[in-house]
Structures are given as structure tokens and as C-alpha cells.
């Protein structure tokens, strides 16, 4: 099988590519824009006859159309994903997360390819501390930032293309990932590097927030 993995040079996507190469016989084409969040080094050591990197963006309809046509299935990780950045400038989040997902959906619809969309649990909003409730697939969406709103919008597009056009697609809403290749801007790498450098770790709010974490290997295997 030939997989197209968007955002496959980023943190979660590159871990998935390593997992696919290690655990399956599939070949992978990575489509990545190589912004600050994507890095060629994340794919270092992978066999050149099984993994190919295409530098480009998911909003490039012609490029996406060609790569989707040559693939058996698409796994869509590519996204702008930093909440703070979305508050400073929402525009890239709308363009990449919503328009880019639309471009991919149109390509898989045209070529009849299988599509998996990787989303986030942040589309569901927040729970109160010690709230016994848990998010499920049927929890109403309640995004609270431009980032989570853009991911919610892309989720709705996927569901609409399934219902309206019969696209074969699935969708996953994972919690916070941690593991190898994670950018230093993220919470766990930042706190660890602060401790290593003798810098006081940053406290968010009053320090009473609770976060849910999943290791990238568990995410990839799921």
C-alpha cells in the first residue's frame, strides 16, 4: 500500500511515518511545508526506497491532486496547531486547517481514495476540574480558540463529504501528544529544557489545570 501522509515531517506525523515503516510493509509519501514545526531530520534514517518527502502545502490543489492520485490512502496530520499563535494571527489556521482540508477532501473524492483525518479533543472545549464527565464521539463541539475552531471546522467538512459525496473517511480526536521530535515550544519539552537550563518552569494560571496526554507511539498504533 502507498500512503500519503500530510504533515509527516512534523512531530506527530513523523512518529507515525516511523511507526508505519517499522510495523508494516507500506510505502509512504510525506507532504510537508517544512515550516518551523516540520523538520527533515525527523525523517532521518528511514529507508529512501520506502519514504519520499514532497515539500509543498496542502492548499496547492494541483500538487495534492497528483499525490492523492498516486496513493492508496491519505492520513492527514498537516495543521497549524499552536493555540497561542492562533490568538496572535488566526489567518494561517483558517487557510491550512480549513481550506487545506477542503483541498484534500476534493482530491480524495475525485480519485476515490480512503482518508483519515487527525483532529484534536480541543474541539470539545473544556471540562471543569474534577468533572466526572468525559468527552466522547457524541460530545457537542465547543471550541474556544481560533485553533480549535479551525479544527472543528475541518472535522465538519470531513463529515459533510462522507455524507454528501460518499467519501470513505474516518476521524480521530486525540488528546495532547508527547514523545520524540516534539518542538520545544510545547509544554513537556519546554518544562524539561527549562529545568535542564536552570530556568524556573512556567506556571500556567494557578497551576490547577489538568491535561490529558498520550504518547505518540500509542497514538500511531491506534
Protein backbone atom coordinates (compact mmCIF):
# COMPACT_ATOMS: atom_id res chain seq x y z
CA UNK A 1 0.00 0.00 0.00
CA UNK A 2 1.12 3.55 -0.79
CA UNK A 3 0.25 6.06 1.93
CA UNK A 4 0.23 9.84 1.57
CA UNK A 5 0.92 11.37 4.97
CA UNK A 6 0.38 15.13 5.18
CA UNK A 7 2.43 16.89 7.83
CA UNK A 8 4.63 13.81 8.00
CA UNK A 9 7.77 15.77 8.85
CA UNK A 10 6.11 17.32 11.89
CA UNK A 11 6.07 15.93 15.42
CA UNK A 12 3.09 13.55 15.43
CA UNK A 13 3.19 12.84 11.70
CA UNK A 14 6.85 11.84 11.64
CA UNK A 15 6.31 9.48 14.56
CA UNK A 16 3.52 7.89 12.53
CA UNK A 17 5.80 7.52 9.50
CA UNK A 18 8.44 5.79 11.63
CA UNK A 19 5.72 3.52 13.03
CA UNK A 20 4.43 2.61 9.55
CA UNK A 21 7.92 1.77 8.28
CA UNK A 22 8.70 -0.30 11.37
CA UNK A 23 5.39 -2.15 11.70
CA UNK A 24 4.11 -2.54 8.12
CA UNK A 25 5.29 -3.02 4.56
CA UNK A 26 3.64 0.17 3.31
CA UNK A 27 5.45 2.87 1.35
CA UNK A 28 4.98 6.49 2.41
CA UNK A 29 4.99 9.81 0.60
CA UNK A 30 5.24 12.70 3.06
CA UNK A 31 3.76 16.05 2.04
CA UNK A 32 5.06 18.77 4.33
CA UNK A 33 5.54 22.52 4.01
CA UNK A 34 8.54 22.38 6.36
CA UNK A 35 7.52 25.36 8.45
CA UNK A 36 9.09 25.80 11.89
CA UNK A 37 7.10 22.74 13.03
CA UNK A 38 8.35 20.45 10.26
CA UNK A 39 11.90 19.15 10.05
CA UNK A 40 13.69 16.88 7.57
CA UNK A 41 15.70 15.49 10.48
CA UNK A 42 12.51 13.95 11.89
CA UNK A 43 12.61 11.52 8.94
CA UNK A 44 16.35 10.79 9.18
CA UNK A 45 17.33 7.14 8.98
CA UNK A 46 14.21 5.98 7.16
CA UNK A 47 14.76 3.89 4.02
CA UNK A 48 14.83 6.06 0.89
CA UNK A 49 13.14 3.34 -1.15
CA UNK A 50 10.06 3.45 1.12
CA UNK A 51 9.79 7.07 2.26
CA UNK A 52 9.70 10.09 -0.05
CA UNK A 53 9.43 13.72 1.04
CA UNK A 54 7.48 16.18 -1.12
CA UNK A 55 7.96 19.76 0.06
CA UNK A 56 4.74 21.68 -0.52
CA UNK A 57 1.50 22.74 1.08
CA UNK A 58 -1.90 21.13 1.27
CA UNK A 59 -3.56 24.21 -0.21
CA UNK A 60 -1.75 23.56 -3.51
CA UNK A 61 -4.59 21.82 -5.35
CA UNK A 62 -2.50 20.66 -8.33
CA UNK A 63 0.19 19.11 -6.13
CA UNK A 64 -2.36 17.49 -3.83
CA UNK A 65 -4.30 16.10 -6.78
CA UNK A 66 -1.18 14.42 -8.20
CA UNK A 67 -0.06 12.93 -4.89
CA UNK A 68 -3.52 11.67 -3.96
CA UNK A 69 -3.92 10.06 -7.39
CA UNK A 70 -0.67 8.15 -6.84
CA UNK A 71 -1.65 6.95 -3.32
CA UNK A 72 -3.97 4.27 -1.96
CA UNK A 73 -4.91 6.20 1.19
CA UNK A 74 -4.31 9.57 2.83
CA UNK A 75 -3.53 10.18 6.51
CA UNK A 76 -3.97 13.88 7.24
CA UNK A 77 -1.83 15.31 10.06
CA UNK A 78 -0.89 18.67 8.49
CA UNK A 79 -2.20 21.57 10.57
CA UNK A 80 -1.34 24.80 12.27
CA UNK A 81 -1.53 23.66 15.87
CA UNK A 82 -0.23 26.26 18.33
CA UNK A 83 -3.03 27.86 20.35
CA UNK A 84 -1.07 30.98 21.29
CA UNK A 85 -0.10 31.59 17.68
CA UNK A 86 -3.73 31.35 16.64
CA UNK A 87 -4.59 34.16 19.04
CA UNK A 88 -1.88 36.38 17.55
CA UNK A 89 -2.81 35.65 13.92
CA UNK A 90 -5.76 33.36 13.11
CA UNK A 91 -5.31 33.63 9.33
CA UNK A 92 -2.86 30.72 8.77
CA UNK A 93 -5.09 28.46 10.86
CA UNK A 94 -8.11 29.15 8.68
CA UNK A 95 -6.10 28.69 5.49
CA UNK A 96 -4.26 25.50 6.43
CA UNK A 97 -6.74 23.74 8.70
CA UNK A 98 -9.95 24.51 6.84
CA UNK A 99 -9.02 25.34 3.24
CA UNK A 100 -6.24 22.74 3.17
CA UNK A 101 -8.59 20.02 4.43
CA UNK A 102 -11.12 21.04 1.77
CA UNK A 103 -8.47 20.67 -0.95
CA UNK A 104 -7.58 17.19 0.29
CA UNK A 105 -11.22 16.13 0.52
CA UNK A 106 -11.87 17.21 -3.04
CA UNK A 107 -8.85 15.20 -4.21
CA UNK A 108 -9.83 12.00 -2.39
CA UNK A 109 -13.40 12.43 -3.65
CA UNK A 110 -12.18 12.79 -7.24
CA UNK A 111 -9.85 9.78 -7.08
CA UNK A 112 -11.89 7.56 -4.73
CA UNK A 113 -9.21 7.25 -2.04
CA UNK A 114 -9.50 6.34 1.63
CA UNK A 115 -9.00 9.31 4.00
CA UNK A 116 -8.18 9.55 7.70
CA UNK A 117 -8.37 12.95 9.37
CA UNK A 118 -6.38 13.53 12.57
CA UNK A 119 -8.07 16.10 14.78
CA UNK A 120 -7.95 17.12 18.44
CA UNK A 121 -10.05 16.84 21.57
CA UNK A 122 -9.85 20.62 21.89
CA UNK A 123 -12.85 20.87 19.56
CA UNK A 124 -14.96 19.77 22.56
CA UNK A 125 -13.89 22.67 24.77
CA UNK A 126 -13.01 22.38 28.45
CA UNK A 127 -14.18 20.39 31.45
CA UNK A 128 -14.35 21.76 34.97
CA UNK A 129 -11.72 20.49 37.40
CA UNK A 130 -12.83 17.12 38.88
CA UNK A 131 -15.77 16.98 36.47
CA UNK A 132 -16.74 13.27 36.26
CA UNK A 133 -17.88 13.75 32.66
CA UNK A 134 -15.65 12.68 29.79
CA UNK A 135 -15.56 13.61 26.13
CA UNK A 136 -16.97 11.04 23.71
CA UNK A 137 -17.52 10.97 19.96
CA UNK A 138 -21.02 12.39 20.54
CA UNK A 139 -19.99 15.31 22.78
CA UNK A 140 -21.18 18.62 21.25
CA UNK A 141 -18.42 20.77 19.82
CA UNK A 142 -17.49 23.84 21.83
CA UNK A 143 -14.16 25.23 20.51
CA UNK A 144 -12.68 28.15 22.43
CA UNK A 145 -9.80 29.44 20.27
CA UNK A 146 -9.14 30.14 16.59
CA UNK A 147 -7.06 26.96 16.52
CA UNK A 148 -9.73 24.68 17.96
CA UNK A 149 -12.43 26.41 15.91
CA UNK A 150 -10.47 25.80 12.70
CA UNK A 151 -10.02 22.13 13.60
CA UNK A 152 -13.74 21.86 14.41
CA UNK A 153 -14.49 23.36 11.00
CA UNK A 154 -12.26 20.81 9.27
CA UNK A 155 -13.95 17.97 11.19
CA UNK A 156 -17.34 19.14 9.98
CA UNK A 157 -16.05 19.25 6.41
CA UNK A 158 -14.92 15.62 6.65
CA UNK A 159 -18.31 14.50 7.96
CA UNK A 160 -20.10 16.51 5.28
CA UNK A 161 -18.01 14.98 2.48
CA UNK A 162 -18.75 11.50 3.85
CA UNK A 163 -22.49 12.13 3.92
CA UNK A 164 -22.82 14.29 0.80
CA UNK A 165 -20.36 12.58 -1.52
CA UNK A 166 -19.72 9.14 -0.05
CA UNK A 167 -16.06 9.79 0.71
CA UNK A 168 -14.53 6.91 2.67
CA UNK A 169 -13.18 8.71 5.72
CA UNK A 170 -12.60 8.32 9.42
CA UNK A 171 -11.75 10.93 12.04
CA UNK A 172 -9.86 10.77 15.34
CA UNK A 173 -9.81 13.33 18.14
CA UNK A 174 -6.69 12.68 20.18
CA UNK A 175 -5.61 14.40 23.37
CA UNK A 176 -2.21 16.07 23.85
CA UNK A 177 0.66 14.07 22.37
CA UNK A 178 4.19 13.81 23.71
CA UNK A 179 7.27 11.93 22.58
CA UNK A 180 10.26 12.11 20.21
CA UNK A 181 10.70 15.01 17.76
CA UNK A 182 8.34 17.34 19.64
CA UNK A 183 9.02 21.06 19.13
CA UNK A 184 10.50 22.85 22.11
CA UNK A 185 7.54 25.28 22.17
CA UNK A 186 5.27 22.54 23.55
CA UNK A 187 4.57 22.08 27.24
CA UNK A 188 6.55 18.97 28.22
CA UNK A 189 9.72 19.76 26.18
CA UNK A 190 9.63 23.38 27.39
CA UNK A 191 9.35 22.45 31.05
CA UNK A 192 12.11 19.82 30.75
CA UNK A 193 14.51 22.15 28.93
CA UNK A 194 13.83 24.90 31.47
CA UNK A 195 14.83 22.52 34.26
CA UNK A 196 17.96 21.43 32.38
CA UNK A 197 18.93 25.08 31.80
CA UNK A 198 18.26 26.05 35.41
CA UNK A 199 15.25 28.17 34.46
CA UNK A 200 12.20 28.16 36.67
CA UNK A 201 9.40 26.18 34.95
CA UNK A 202 6.48 28.30 33.81
CA UNK A 203 3.26 28.08 35.81
CA UNK A 204 0.07 28.45 33.80
CA UNK A 205 -2.72 30.23 35.66
CA UNK A 206 -2.96 28.99 39.24
CA UNK A 207 -1.48 25.59 38.42
CA UNK A 208 -4.78 23.77 38.94
CA UNK A 209 -5.44 22.84 35.29
CA UNK A 210 -5.47 19.16 34.38
CA UNK A 211 -4.31 17.94 30.96
CA UNK A 212 -4.62 14.55 29.30
CA UNK A 213 -1.57 13.17 27.48
CA UNK A 214 -0.96 10.30 25.06
CA UNK A 215 2.42 9.09 23.82
CA UNK A 216 2.84 9.36 20.07
CA UNK A 217 3.57 5.64 19.76
CA UNK A 218 0.21 4.82 21.35
CA UNK A 219 -1.43 7.31 19.02
CA UNK A 220 0.26 5.82 15.95
CA UNK A 221 -0.58 2.22 16.85
CA UNK A 222 -4.22 3.17 17.46
